[in-house]
């Protein structure tokens, strides 16, 4: 049917090429697909394979990710799973959607701005304070979205002082206009650094 969205593409029409990168769940390859979406000839696509030794939890997380991205996927039960993207989604795929770092308006409405960058900065600060822990520990991407819909925020990490946690929480204000500016964040961090130096002295 004209305009119908194809949700499955046979993997025998896909030729795996060079490795693009490796993520949490598996490897991403450049690939070629024949007659994708009724196009003549070859279309360059991104192909993702789950690792052979991936635990069931990772497979479930990948499934959640696929639902969020609304990909073109093979429904075969065997692994690896083969994931194809239309041209308009290839760039997003190569970034793998960073749900844990995205502001609510970016998740719900694809609204990206300086204010949504401020939200992401707050998450990065949380990562630094926790020495590289994964944001929203123990949650799948789908659970993170539900958590944010409820208005919840990550709790204060151990060994994080109240001022720094307040900075994070300000970055995570629900209304983008209530989030601080980058210049204000720099000023606050500089003040915290000075206070720390005084205490250390």
C-alpha atoms as a PDB file:
ATOM      1  CA  UNK A   1       0.000   0.000   0.000  1.00  0.00           C
ATOM      2  CA  UNK A   2       1.327   3.498  -0.803  1.00  0.00           C
ATOM      3  CA  UNK A   3       2.773   5.186   2.271  1.00  0.00           C
ATOM      4  CA  UNK A   4       2.654   2.002   4.327  1.00  0.00           C
ATOM      5  CA  UNK A   5       5.391   1.761   6.966  1.00  0.00           C
ATOM      6  CA  UNK A   6       7.513  -1.363   6.597  1.00  0.00           C
ATOM      7  CA  UNK A   7       8.221  -2.922  10.000  1.00  0.00           C
ATOM      8  CA  UNK A   8      10.230  -5.925   8.830  1.00  0.00           C
ATOM      9  CA  UNK A   9      12.978  -6.395   6.270  1.00  0.00           C
ATOM     10  CA  UNK A  10      14.528  -9.776   5.377  1.00  0.00           C
ATOM     11  CA  UNK A  11      18.109 -10.016   6.591  1.00  0.00           C
ATOM     12  CA  UNK A  12      19.140 -12.007   3.526  1.00  0.00           C
ATOM     13  CA  UNK A  13      18.814  -8.742   1.584  1.00  0.00           C
ATOM     14  CA  UNK A  14      21.353  -7.048   3.828  1.00  0.00           C
ATOM     15  CA  UNK A  15      25.128  -7.117   3.393  1.00  0.00           C
ATOM     16  CA  UNK A  16      27.205  -6.278   6.444  1.00  0.00           C
ATOM     17  CA  UNK A  17      30.135  -3.923   5.825  1.00  0.00           C
ATOM     18  CA  UNK A  18      32.488  -1.969   8.115  1.00  0.00           C
ATOM     19  CA  UNK A  19      32.200  -1.704  11.905  1.00  0.00           C
ATOM     20  CA  UNK A  20      30.955   1.756  12.921  1.00  0.00           C
ATOM     21  CA  UNK A  21      31.089   1.385  16.679  1.00  0.00           C
ATOM     22  CA  UNK A  22      30.324  -0.727  19.709  1.00  0.00           C
ATOM     23  CA  UNK A  23      27.744   0.113  22.344  1.00  0.00           C
ATOM     24  CA  UNK A  24      26.179  -1.338  25.465  1.00  0.00           C
ATOM     25  CA  UNK A  25      24.164  -4.007  23.711  1.00  0.00           C
ATOM     26  CA  UNK A  26      26.238  -4.864  20.670  1.00  0.00           C
ATOM     27  CA  UNK A  27      28.003  -3.654  17.568  1.00  0.00           C
ATOM     28  CA  UNK A  28      26.857  -1.216  14.895  1.00  0.00           C
ATOM     29  CA  UNK A  29      27.914  -1.837  11.305  1.00  0.00           C
ATOM     30  CA  UNK A  30      27.581   0.038   8.065  1.00  0.00           C
ATOM     31  CA  UNK A  31      25.530  -2.151   5.723  1.00  0.00           C
ATOM     32  CA  UNK A  32      23.840  -2.243   2.335  1.00  0.00           C
ATOM     33  CA  UNK A  33      20.197  -3.188   1.817  1.00  0.00           C
ATOM     34  CA  UNK A  34      18.634  -4.089  -1.507  1.00  0.00           C
ATOM     35  CA  UNK A  35      15.318  -2.550  -2.553  1.00  0.00           C
ATOM     36  CA  UNK A  36      14.572  -1.095   0.858  1.00  0.00           C
ATOM     37  CA  UNK A  37      11.124   0.519   1.007  1.00  0.00           C
ATOM     38  CA  UNK A  38      10.608  -0.117  -2.723  1.00  0.00           C
ATOM     39  CA  UNK A  39      13.747   1.783  -3.683  1.00  0.00           C
ATOM     40  CA  UNK A  40      15.697   0.502  -6.623  1.00  0.00           C
ATOM     41  CA  UNK A  41      19.236  -0.700  -5.998  1.00  0.00           C
ATOM     42  CA  UNK A  42      21.222  -0.443  -2.788  1.00  0.00           C
ATOM     43  CA  UNK A  43      20.551   1.787   0.236  1.00  0.00           C
ATOM     44  CA  UNK A  44      23.246   2.401   2.854  1.00  0.00           C
ATOM     45  CA  UNK A  45      21.882   1.614   6.330  1.00  0.00           C
ATOM     46  CA  UNK A  46      23.076   1.100   9.890  1.00  0.00           C
ATOM     47  CA  UNK A  47      22.907  -2.467  11.166  1.00  0.00           C
ATOM     48  CA  UNK A  48      22.971  -3.433  14.807  1.00  0.00           C
ATOM     49  CA  UNK A  49      23.748  -6.876  16.205  1.00  0.00           C
ATOM     50  CA  UNK A  50      23.363  -7.865  19.823  1.00  0.00           C
ATOM     51  CA  UNK A  51      26.357  -9.560  21.418  1.00  0.00           C
ATOM     52  CA  UNK A  52      26.215 -13.353  21.504  1.00  0.00           C
ATOM     53  CA  UNK A  53      26.895 -13.449  25.243  1.00  0.00           C
ATOM     54  CA  UNK A  54      24.508 -10.612  26.137  1.00  0.00           C
ATOM     55  CA  UNK A  55      22.420 -11.360  29.251  1.00  0.00           C
ATOM     56  CA  UNK A  56      18.637 -11.474  29.057  1.00  0.00           C
ATOM     57  CA  UNK A  57      18.432  -8.122  30.844  1.00  0.00           C
ATOM     58  CA  UNK A  58      20.402  -6.435  28.051  1.00  0.00           C
ATOM     59  CA  UNK A  59      18.191  -8.059  25.433  1.00  0.00           C
ATOM     60  CA  UNK A  60      15.145  -6.631  27.197  1.00  0.00           C
ATOM     61  CA  UNK A  61      16.746  -3.197  27.348  1.00  0.00           C
ATOM     62  CA  UNK A  62      17.406  -3.394  23.623  1.00  0.00           C
ATOM     63  CA  UNK A  63      13.767  -4.306  23.039  1.00  0.00           C
ATOM     64  CA  UNK A  64      12.694  -1.267  25.066  1.00  0.00           C
ATOM     65  CA  UNK A  65      15.050   0.912  23.053  1.00  0.00           C
ATOM     66  CA  UNK A  66      13.594  -0.379  19.780  1.00  0.00           C
ATOM     67  CA  UNK A  67      10.082   0.472  20.926  1.00  0.00           C
ATOM     68  CA  UNK A  68      11.193   4.000  21.754  1.00  0.00           C
ATOM     69  CA  UNK A  69      12.916   4.533  18.441  1.00  0.00           C
ATOM     70  CA  UNK A  70      10.165   2.867  16.377  1.00  0.00           C
ATOM     71  CA  UNK A  71      12.681   1.159  14.160  1.00  0.00           C
ATOM     72  CA  UNK A  72      12.395  -1.150  11.190  1.00  0.00           C
ATOM     73  CA  UNK A  73      13.224  -4.478  12.793  1.00  0.00           C
ATOM     74  CA  UNK A  74      13.417  -8.167  11.989  1.00  0.00           C
ATOM     75  CA  UNK A  75      10.945 -10.101  14.139  1.00  0.00           C
ATOM     76  CA  UNK A  76      12.847 -13.388  13.886  1.00  0.00           C
ATOM     77  CA  UNK A  77      13.429 -14.967  17.277  1.00  0.00           C
ATOM     78  CA  UNK A  78      17.071 -15.903  16.619  1.00  0.00           C
ATOM     79  CA  UNK A  79      20.005 -13.687  17.509  1.00  0.00           C
ATOM     80  CA  UNK A  80      21.640 -11.514  16.423  1.00  0.00           C
ATOM     81  CA  UNK A  81      18.731  -9.177  15.788  1.00  0.00           C
ATOM     82  CA  UNK A  82      19.034  -7.035  12.647  1.00  0.00           C
ATOM     83  CA  UNK A  83      17.850  -3.432  12.894  1.00  0.00           C
ATOM     84  CA  UNK A  84      17.456  -1.220   9.750  1.00  0.00           C
ATOM     85  CA  UNK A  85      16.743   2.479   9.742  1.00  0.00           C
ATOM     86  CA  UNK A  86      15.237   4.699   7.067  1.00  0.00           C
ATOM     87  CA  UNK A  87      17.561   7.419   5.775  1.00  0.00           C
ATOM     88  CA  UNK A  88      15.906  10.052   7.946  1.00  0.00           C
ATOM     89  CA  UNK A  89      16.755   8.043  11.086  1.00  0.00           C
ATOM     90  CA  UNK A  90      20.324   7.018  10.333  1.00  0.00           C
ATOM     91  CA  UNK A  91      21.908  10.016  12.037  1.00  0.00           C
ATOM     92  CA  UNK A  92      19.808   9.519  15.169  1.00  0.00           C
ATOM     93  CA  UNK A  93      20.729   5.838  15.205  1.00  0.00           C
ATOM     94  CA  UNK A  94      24.442   6.515  15.080  1.00  0.00           C
ATOM     95  CA  UNK A  95      24.035   8.664  18.208  1.00  0.00           C
ATOM     96  CA  UNK A  96      21.835   5.969  19.836  1.00  0.00           C
ATOM     97  CA  UNK A  97      19.187   7.914  21.558  1.00  0.00           C
ATOM     98  CA  UNK A  98      20.564   9.216  24.922  1.00  0.00           C
ATOM     99  CA  UNK A  99      17.335   8.862  26.915  1.00  0.00           C
ATOM    100  CA  UNK A 100      19.080   9.145  30.293  1.00  0.00           C
ATOM    101  CA  UNK A 101      20.515  12.551  29.389  1.00  0.00           C
ATOM    102  CA  UNK A 102      17.483  14.028  27.637  1.00  0.00           C
ATOM    103  CA  UNK A 103      15.168  16.685  29.023  1.00  0.00           C
ATOM    104  CA  UNK A 104      11.436  15.878  29.247  1.00  0.00           C
ATOM    105  CA  UNK A 105      10.506  18.223  26.395  1.00  0.00           C
ATOM    106  CA  UNK A 106      13.121  16.548  24.196  1.00  0.00           C
ATOM    107  CA  UNK A 107      11.713  13.112  25.038  1.00  0.00           C
ATOM    108  CA  UNK A 108       8.036  13.963  24.619  1.00  0.00           C
ATOM    109  CA  UNK A 109       8.126  16.556  21.839  1.00  0.00           C
ATOM    110  CA  UNK A 110      11.628  16.426  20.299  1.00  0.00           C
ATOM    111  CA  UNK A 111      12.208  20.001  21.453  1.00  0.00           C
ATOM    112  CA  UNK A 112      15.948  20.632  21.726  1.00  0.00           C
ATOM    113  CA  UNK A 113      17.368  23.915  22.964  1.00  0.00           C
ATOM    114  CA  UNK A 114      20.013  25.476  25.181  1.00  0.00           C
ATOM    115  CA  UNK A 115      17.670  24.746  28.068  1.00  0.00           C
ATOM    116  CA  UNK A 116      17.569  21.030  27.216  1.00  0.00           C
ATOM    117  CA  UNK A 117      21.385  21.132  27.110  1.00  0.00           C
ATOM    118  CA  UNK A 118      21.302  22.536  30.641  1.00  0.00           C
ATOM    119  CA  UNK A 119      19.272  19.500  31.728  1.00  0.00           C
ATOM    120  CA  UNK A 120      21.878  17.204  30.149  1.00  0.00           C
ATOM    121  CA  UNK A 121      24.655  19.126  31.888  1.00  0.00           C
ATOM    122  CA  UNK A 122      23.004  18.404  35.229  1.00  0.00           C
ATOM    123  CA  UNK A 123      23.049  14.688  34.416  1.00  0.00           C
ATOM    124  CA  UNK A 124      26.746  14.882  33.508  1.00  0.00           C
ATOM    125  CA  UNK A 125      27.456  16.574  36.845  1.00  0.00           C
ATOM    126  CA  UNK A 126      25.673  13.660  38.544  1.00  0.00           C
ATOM    127  CA  UNK A 127      27.877  11.232  36.595  1.00  0.00           C
ATOM    128  CA  UNK A 128      31.039  13.031  37.674  1.00  0.00           C
ATOM    129  CA  UNK A 129      30.011  13.097  41.322  1.00  0.00           C
ATOM    130  CA  UNK A 130      29.282   9.369  41.236  1.00  0.00           C
ATOM    131  CA  UNK A 131      32.595   8.656  39.471  1.00  0.00           C
ATOM    132  CA  UNK A 132      30.956   7.518  36.267  1.00  0.00           C
ATOM    133  CA  UNK A 133      27.872   5.639  37.410  1.00  0.00           C
ATOM    134  CA  UNK A 134      25.078   5.186  34.877  1.00  0.00           C
ATOM    135  CA  UNK A 135      22.288   7.744  35.424  1.00  0.00           C
ATOM    136  CA  UNK A 136      19.045   6.328  36.813  1.00  0.00           C
ATOM    137  CA  UNK A 137      20.801   3.169  38.019  1.00  0.00           C
ATOM    138  CA  UNK A 138      18.845  -0.055  37.751  1.00  0.00           C
ATOM    139  CA  UNK A 139      16.243   1.401  35.388  1.00  0.00           C
ATOM    140  CA  UNK A 140      15.615   0.587  31.748  1.00  0.00           C
ATOM    141  CA  UNK A 141      15.153   3.434  29.271  1.00  0.00           C
ATOM    142  CA  UNK A 142      11.404   2.859  29.382  1.00  0.00           C
ATOM    143  CA  UNK A 143      11.411   3.041  33.178  1.00  0.00           C
ATOM    144  CA  UNK A 144      13.413   6.277  33.066  1.00  0.00           C
ATOM    145  CA  UNK A 145      10.737   7.867  30.905  1.00  0.00           C
ATOM    146  CA  UNK A 146       7.950   6.788  33.274  1.00  0.00           C
ATOM    147  CA  UNK A 147      10.027   8.012  36.227  1.00  0.00           C
ATOM    148  CA  UNK A 148      10.352  11.471  34.660  1.00  0.00           C
ATOM    149  CA  UNK A 149       6.664  11.561  33.734  1.00  0.00           C
ATOM    150  CA  UNK A 150       5.914  11.230  37.439  1.00  0.00           C
ATOM    151  CA  UNK A 151       8.049  14.306  38.097  1.00  0.00           C
ATOM    152  CA  UNK A 152      10.710  12.294  39.917  1.00  0.00           C
ATOM    153  CA  UNK A 153      14.416  13.146  39.903  1.00  0.00           C
ATOM    154  CA  UNK A 154      17.573  11.259  40.807  1.00  0.00           C
ATOM    155  CA  UNK A 155      18.348  11.339  44.512  1.00  0.00           C
ATOM    156  CA  UNK A 156      21.379  13.079  45.948  1.00  0.00           C
ATOM    157  CA  UNK A 157      24.469  10.888  45.496  1.00  0.00           C
ATOM    158  CA  UNK A 158      26.619   9.896  48.429  1.00  0.00           C
ATOM    159  CA  UNK A 159      29.344  12.428  49.248  1.00  0.00           C
ATOM    160  CA  UNK A 160      27.572  15.135  47.209  1.00  0.00           C
ATOM    161  CA  UNK A 161      27.096  18.371  49.119  1.00  0.00           C
ATOM    162  CA  UNK A 162      23.705  20.066  49.157  1.00  0.00           C
ATOM    163  CA  UNK A 163      24.805  23.057  47.065  1.00  0.00           C
ATOM    164  CA  UNK A 164      25.984  20.875  44.205  1.00  0.00           C
ATOM    165  CA  UNK A 165      22.833  18.767  44.358  1.00  0.00           C
ATOM    166  CA  UNK A 166      20.734  21.930  44.313  1.00  0.00           C
ATOM    167  CA  UNK A 167      22.605  22.958  41.151  1.00  0.00           C
ATOM    168  CA  UNK A 168      21.644  19.634  39.558  1.00  0.00           C
ATOM    169  CA  UNK A 169      18.020  19.986  40.623  1.00  0.00           C
ATOM    170  CA  UNK A 170      17.872  23.480  39.144  1.00  0.00           C
ATOM    171  CA  UNK A 171      19.147  22.047  35.870  1.00  0.00           C
ATOM    172  CA  UNK A 172      16.305  19.522  36.050  1.00  0.00           C
ATOM    173  CA  UNK A 173      13.502  22.050  36.496  1.00  0.00           C
ATOM    174  CA  UNK A 174      10.394  20.871  34.658  1.00  0.00           C
ATOM    175  CA  UNK A 175       9.942  24.266  32.987  1.00  0.00           C
ATOM    176  CA  UNK A 176      12.891  24.978  30.667  1.00  0.00           C
ATOM    177  CA  UNK A 177      12.713  28.723  31.388  1.00  0.00           C
ATOM    178  CA  UNK A 178      13.392  28.066  35.079  1.00  0.00           C
ATOM    179  CA  UNK A 179      16.698  26.336  34.417  1.00  0.00           C
ATOM    180  CA  UNK A 180      19.872  28.358  34.998  1.00  0.00           C
ATOM    181  CA  UNK A 181      22.005  29.798  32.214  1.00  0.00           C
ATOM    182  CA  UNK A 182      25.401  28.292  31.504  1.00  0.00           C
ATOM    183  CA  UNK A 183      27.122  31.487  32.679  1.00  0.00           C
ATOM    184  CA  UNK A 184      25.277  31.220  35.998  1.00  0.00           C
ATOM    185  CA  UNK A 185      26.343  27.593  36.365  1.00  0.00           C
ATOM    186  CA  UNK A 186      29.962  28.534  35.743  1.00  0.00           C
ATOM    187  CA  UNK A 187      29.715  31.244  38.394  1.00  0.00           C
ATOM    188  CA  UNK A 188      28.159  28.845  40.928  1.00  0.00           C
ATOM    189  CA  UNK A 189      30.788  26.178  40.303  1.00  0.00           C
ATOM    190  CA  UNK A 190      33.575  28.725  40.669  1.00  0.00           C
ATOM    191  CA  UNK A 191      32.129  29.811  44.017  1.00  0.00           C
ATOM    192  CA  UNK A 192      31.924  26.191  45.185  1.00  0.00           C
ATOM    193  CA  UNK A 193      35.529  25.663  44.145  1.00  0.00           C
ATOM    194  CA  UNK A 194      36.640  28.711  46.124  1.00  0.00           C
ATOM    195  CA  UNK A 195      34.724  27.544  49.191  1.00  0.00           C
ATOM    196  CA  UNK A 196      36.365  24.125  48.903  1.00  0.00           C
ATOM    197  CA  UNK A 197      39.817  25.699  48.673  1.00  0.00           C
ATOM    198  CA  UNK A 198      39.161  27.749  51.798  1.00  0.00           C
ATOM    199  CA  UNK A 199      38.073  24.653  53.741  1.00  0.00           C
ATOM    200  CA  UNK A 200      41.091  22.701  52.510  1.00  0.00           C
ATOM    201  CA  UNK A 201      43.433  25.520  53.500  1.00  0.00           C
END
